[in-house]
């Protein structure tokens, strides 16, 4: 799928008097940030200081004399660099402050709000599944599927996890299970773009033209620029 992968940077500006700032970086598809991710702060002409992020994407700066005039720059391998003024950051760390676009990707994917709302146990299994796939070892798909299934057991409305389950079932050649997973994904979050394309194709392949047309109609509510059959463009 031609896709746009976005990284949302949620930052919490603590108190300007305290001279500290803490925030979290998350990816819109729920994937862990690259280990090389760095957040750098520059205040006027002052030298730049950098920190990394923890496994959950959190970072923190301290010993800042004043947040006014300071900016944060986020760099992550495979993503376009972006900056934000610290004084303009939202107080709530879950509100996005910066959007980084992945290099070489195109429009088409979006974050599911279910990933942001998922409880810790569910996201723990989701990230464990991603790590299994990154290892590329024998049986990684089965292990990843087991973690994703635990994620949906902990949080049945986890659209992001259902989408990944569908993709893995497709990789295993199990179209029936993939179709069920994509249907669960759009049911959990009708505004999550990613599962619609494979869902429409699978419905068409089973001869369910009415179901495919309904899914296309829902997708065009999200992206009206798509053609009437949701193909091409």
Protein backbone atom coordinates (compact mmCIF):
# COMPACT_ATOMS: atom_id res chain seq x y z
CA UNK A 1 0.00 0.00 0.00
CA UNK A 2 1.21 3.49 -0.71
CA UNK A 3 1.23 4.87 2.77
CA UNK A 4 2.09 7.86 4.79
CA UNK A 5 3.69 7.03 8.07
CA UNK A 6 3.59 9.81 10.57
CA UNK A 7 5.28 10.23 13.90
CA UNK A 8 3.33 12.26 16.39
CA UNK A 9 5.35 14.03 19.05
CA UNK A 10 3.41 14.67 22.23
CA UNK A 11 5.28 16.95 24.57
CA UNK A 12 4.51 18.22 28.04
CA UNK A 13 6.04 21.54 28.93
CA UNK A 14 6.42 21.35 32.70
CA UNK A 15 6.70 24.78 34.26
CA UNK A 16 8.77 27.46 32.59
CA UNK A 17 10.03 28.34 36.05
CA UNK A 18 11.23 24.80 36.63
CA UNK A 19 13.23 24.92 33.41
CA UNK A 20 12.30 21.37 32.46
CA UNK A 21 10.35 19.73 29.68
CA UNK A 22 9.16 16.14 29.37
CA UNK A 23 7.29 14.49 26.57
CA UNK A 24 6.61 11.40 24.57
CA UNK A 25 7.13 10.52 20.92
CA UNK A 26 4.81 7.98 19.34
CA UNK A 27 4.37 6.58 15.84
CA UNK A 28 0.96 6.75 14.25
CA UNK A 29 0.95 3.07 13.37
CA UNK A 30 2.02 2.01 16.84
CA UNK A 31 5.50 0.93 15.81
CA UNK A 32 8.35 1.56 18.27
CA UNK A 33 10.63 4.49 17.45
CA UNK A 34 14.05 3.70 15.99
CA UNK A 35 16.73 3.33 18.65
CA UNK A 36 18.59 6.23 17.05
CA UNK A 37 15.81 8.73 17.81
CA UNK A 38 17.17 11.95 19.33
CA UNK A 39 15.51 15.08 20.67
CA UNK A 40 17.69 18.20 20.66
CA UNK A 41 17.02 21.56 22.30
CA UNK A 42 18.50 24.89 21.25
CA UNK A 43 17.84 28.11 23.14
CA UNK A 44 18.79 31.13 21.07
CA UNK A 45 22.48 31.00 20.26
CA UNK A 46 23.17 28.53 23.07
CA UNK A 47 24.85 25.24 22.24
CA UNK A 48 22.53 22.39 21.39
CA UNK A 49 21.92 19.61 23.92
CA UNK A 50 20.49 16.21 23.03
CA UNK A 51 18.74 13.33 24.79
CA UNK A 52 17.51 9.96 23.62
CA UNK A 53 14.15 8.36 24.34
CA UNK A 54 13.23 5.40 26.52
CA UNK A 55 11.57 2.23 25.13
CA UNK A 56 8.14 3.86 25.46
CA UNK A 57 9.22 7.00 23.62
CA UNK A 58 9.55 9.29 26.64
CA UNK A 59 12.33 11.88 26.93
CA UNK A 60 13.14 14.68 29.37
CA UNK A 61 15.21 17.83 29.46
CA UNK A 62 16.13 19.62 32.67
CA UNK A 63 18.27 22.60 33.62
CA UNK A 64 16.69 24.89 31.05
CA UNK A 65 16.77 28.46 32.32
CA UNK A 66 13.66 29.44 30.35
CA UNK A 67 11.49 27.71 27.76
CA UNK A 68 10.91 30.95 25.85
CA UNK A 69 13.12 31.13 22.79
CA UNK A 70 13.90 27.41 22.97
CA UNK A 71 13.03 24.89 20.26
CA UNK A 72 13.10 21.09 20.14
CA UNK A 73 14.21 19.21 17.04
CA UNK A 74 13.38 15.53 16.62
CA UNK A 75 15.47 13.27 14.40
CA UNK A 76 14.72 9.60 13.76
CA UNK A 77 16.23 7.38 11.12
CA UNK A 78 13.87 7.11 8.16
CA UNK A 79 11.82 10.18 9.07
CA UNK A 80 11.94 13.84 8.07
CA UNK A 81 13.32 16.09 10.81
CA UNK A 82 10.88 18.55 12.39
CA UNK A 83 11.06 21.27 15.04
CA UNK A 84 8.71 22.93 17.50
CA UNK A 85 8.98 25.92 19.85
CA UNK A 86 8.90 24.69 23.44
CA UNK A 87 6.78 27.63 24.58
CA UNK A 88 4.06 26.61 22.09
CA UNK A 89 3.80 23.00 23.20
CA UNK A 90 0.50 21.74 24.67
CA UNK A 91 0.53 20.96 28.37
CA UNK A 92 -1.03 17.53 27.82
CA UNK A 93 1.73 15.16 26.60
CA UNK A 94 -0.80 13.13 24.62
CA UNK A 95 -1.66 16.08 22.37
CA UNK A 96 0.58 16.02 19.27
CA UNK A 97 3.12 18.83 19.07
CA UNK A 98 5.06 17.81 15.94
CA UNK A 99 4.38 15.59 12.95
CA UNK A 100 7.28 13.79 11.25
CA UNK A 101 6.70 12.20 7.85
CA UNK A 102 8.49 9.01 6.94
CA UNK A 103 10.84 9.25 3.97
CA UNK A 104 9.78 7.52 0.79
CA UNK A 105 6.19 6.95 1.89
CA UNK A 106 2.97 8.34 0.50
CA UNK A 107 -0.47 9.28 1.71
CA UNK A 108 -2.74 6.47 2.85
CA UNK A 109 -2.24 5.40 6.46
CA UNK A 110 -3.31 7.06 9.65
CA UNK A 111 -3.20 6.40 13.36
CA UNK A 112 -6.03 4.63 15.10
CA UNK A 113 -7.18 6.38 18.25
CA UNK A 114 -7.52 2.88 19.72
CA UNK A 115 -3.74 2.63 19.94
CA UNK A 116 -3.59 5.78 22.06
CA UNK A 117 -6.42 4.51 24.27
CA UNK A 118 -5.12 0.94 24.66
CA UNK A 119 -4.16 -0.12 28.21
CA UNK A 120 -0.53 -0.82 29.05
CA UNK A 121 -0.88 -4.61 28.93
CA UNK A 122 -2.29 -4.47 25.40
CA UNK A 123 0.37 -2.11 24.05
CA UNK A 124 3.07 -4.22 25.73
CA UNK A 125 2.00 -7.23 23.67
CA UNK A 126 1.69 -5.08 20.54
CA UNK A 127 5.28 -3.86 20.85
CA UNK A 128 6.46 -7.39 21.68
CA UNK A 129 4.91 -8.54 18.39
CA UNK A 130 6.79 -5.83 16.51
CA UNK A 131 10.06 -6.90 18.11
CA UNK A 132 9.45 -10.52 17.13
CA UNK A 133 8.98 -9.49 13.50
CA UNK A 134 12.10 -7.31 13.57
CA UNK A 135 14.20 -10.25 14.76
CA UNK A 136 13.43 -12.16 11.57
CA UNK A 137 13.96 -15.47 13.35
CA UNK A 138 12.25 -18.78 12.72
CA UNK A 139 8.60 -18.74 13.74
CA UNK A 140 8.50 -14.98 14.20
CA UNK A 141 5.06 -14.64 12.57
CA UNK A 142 3.47 -17.21 14.88
CA UNK A 143 5.06 -15.56 17.93
CA UNK A 144 3.97 -12.12 16.76
CA UNK A 145 0.42 -13.37 16.16
CA UNK A 146 0.30 -14.79 19.68
CA UNK A 147 1.25 -11.41 21.15
CA UNK A 148 -1.23 -9.53 18.96
CA UNK A 149 -4.01 -11.92 19.94
CA UNK A 150 -3.19 -11.29 23.60
CA UNK A 151 -3.31 -7.56 22.85
CA UNK A 152 -6.85 -7.87 21.47
CA UNK A 153 -7.88 -10.09 24.37
CA UNK A 154 -6.72 -7.36 26.75
CA UNK A 155 -8.38 -4.69 24.62
CA UNK A 156 -10.98 -6.02 22.11
CA UNK A 157 -11.30 -2.57 20.52
CA UNK A 158 -7.61 -2.46 19.54
CA UNK A 159 -8.04 -1.63 15.82
CA UNK A 160 -4.31 -1.29 15.25
CA UNK A 161 -3.64 -4.81 16.57
CA UNK A 162 -6.51 -6.30 14.55
CA UNK A 163 -5.03 -4.69 11.42
CA UNK A 164 -1.62 -6.25 12.08
CA UNK A 165 -3.26 -9.63 12.75
CA UNK A 166 -4.93 -9.35 9.35
CA UNK A 167 -1.64 -8.55 7.63
CA UNK A 168 0.09 -11.52 9.24
CA UNK A 169 -2.72 -13.89 8.28
CA UNK A 170 -2.36 -12.65 4.71
CA UNK A 171 1.36 -13.40 4.89
CA UNK A 172 0.46 -16.94 5.99
CA UNK A 173 -2.01 -17.31 3.13
CA UNK A 174 -5.05 -17.45 5.43
CA UNK A 175 -7.42 -15.07 3.63
CA UNK A 176 -10.46 -16.03 5.71
CA UNK A 177 -8.79 -15.16 9.04
CA UNK A 178 -7.31 -12.00 7.49
CA UNK A 179 -10.77 -10.87 6.37
CA UNK A 180 -12.21 -11.39 9.85
CA UNK A 181 -9.34 -9.41 11.41
CA UNK A 182 -9.74 -6.47 9.00
CA UNK A 183 -13.47 -6.44 9.69
CA UNK A 184 -12.75 -6.33 13.43
CA UNK A 185 -10.32 -3.46 12.82
CA UNK A 186 -12.78 -1.21 10.96
CA UNK A 187 -15.53 -2.08 13.43
CA UNK A 188 -13.30 -1.02 16.31
CA UNK A 189 -12.27 2.23 14.63
CA UNK A 190 -14.22 3.21 11.46
CA UNK A 191 -11.89 6.19 10.92
CA UNK A 192 -8.72 4.10 10.76
CA UNK A 193 -7.74 4.12 7.09
CA UNK A 194 -5.21 1.27 6.87
CA UNK A 195 -7.48 -1.84 6.95
CA UNK A 196 -9.92 -0.63 4.28
CA UNK A 197 -7.87 -1.40 1.17
CA UNK A 198 -7.11 -5.05 2.03
CA UNK A 199 -10.66 -5.44 3.38
CA UNK A 200 -12.19 -4.26 0.09
CA UNK A 201 -9.92 -6.53 -1.96
CA UNK A 202 -10.73 -9.56 0.20
CA UNK A 203 -14.47 -8.89 0.08
CA UNK A 204 -14.30 -8.63 -3.71
CA UNK A 205 -12.31 -11.87 -3.91
CA UNK A 206 -15.04 -13.70 -1.98
CA UNK A 207 -17.74 -12.36 -4.29
CA UNK A 208 -19.18 -10.00 -1.67
CA UNK A 209 -19.59 -7.02 -3.99
CA UNK A 210 -22.14 -5.36 -1.68
CA UNK A 211 -19.79 -5.61 1.28
CA UNK A 212 -16.91 -4.21 -0.75
CA UNK A 213 -19.08 -1.31 -1.92
CA UNK A 214 -20.12 -0.53 1.64
CA UNK A 215 -16.50 -0.54 2.81
CA UNK A 216 -15.56 1.71 -0.10
CA UNK A 217 -18.33 4.16 0.81
CA UNK A 218 -17.01 4.34 4.38
CA UNK A 219 -13.46 4.85 3.14
CA UNK A 220 -14.55 7.69 0.84
CA UNK A 221 -16.08 9.45 3.84
CA UNK A 222 -12.55 9.62 5.21
CA UNK A 223 -10.90 10.43 1.89
CA UNK A 224 -13.46 11.95 -0.57
CA UNK A 225 -10.68 12.34 -3.17
CA UNK A 226 -10.77 8.60 -3.87
CA UNK A 227 -12.57 7.44 -7.04
CA UNK A 228 -16.06 5.91 -6.66
CA UNK A 229 -14.66 2.36 -6.66
CA UNK A 230 -11.82 3.27 -4.25
CA UNK A 231 -9.27 2.04 -6.79
CA UNK A 232 -6.40 3.86 -8.37
CA UNK A 233 -5.76 7.51 -7.42
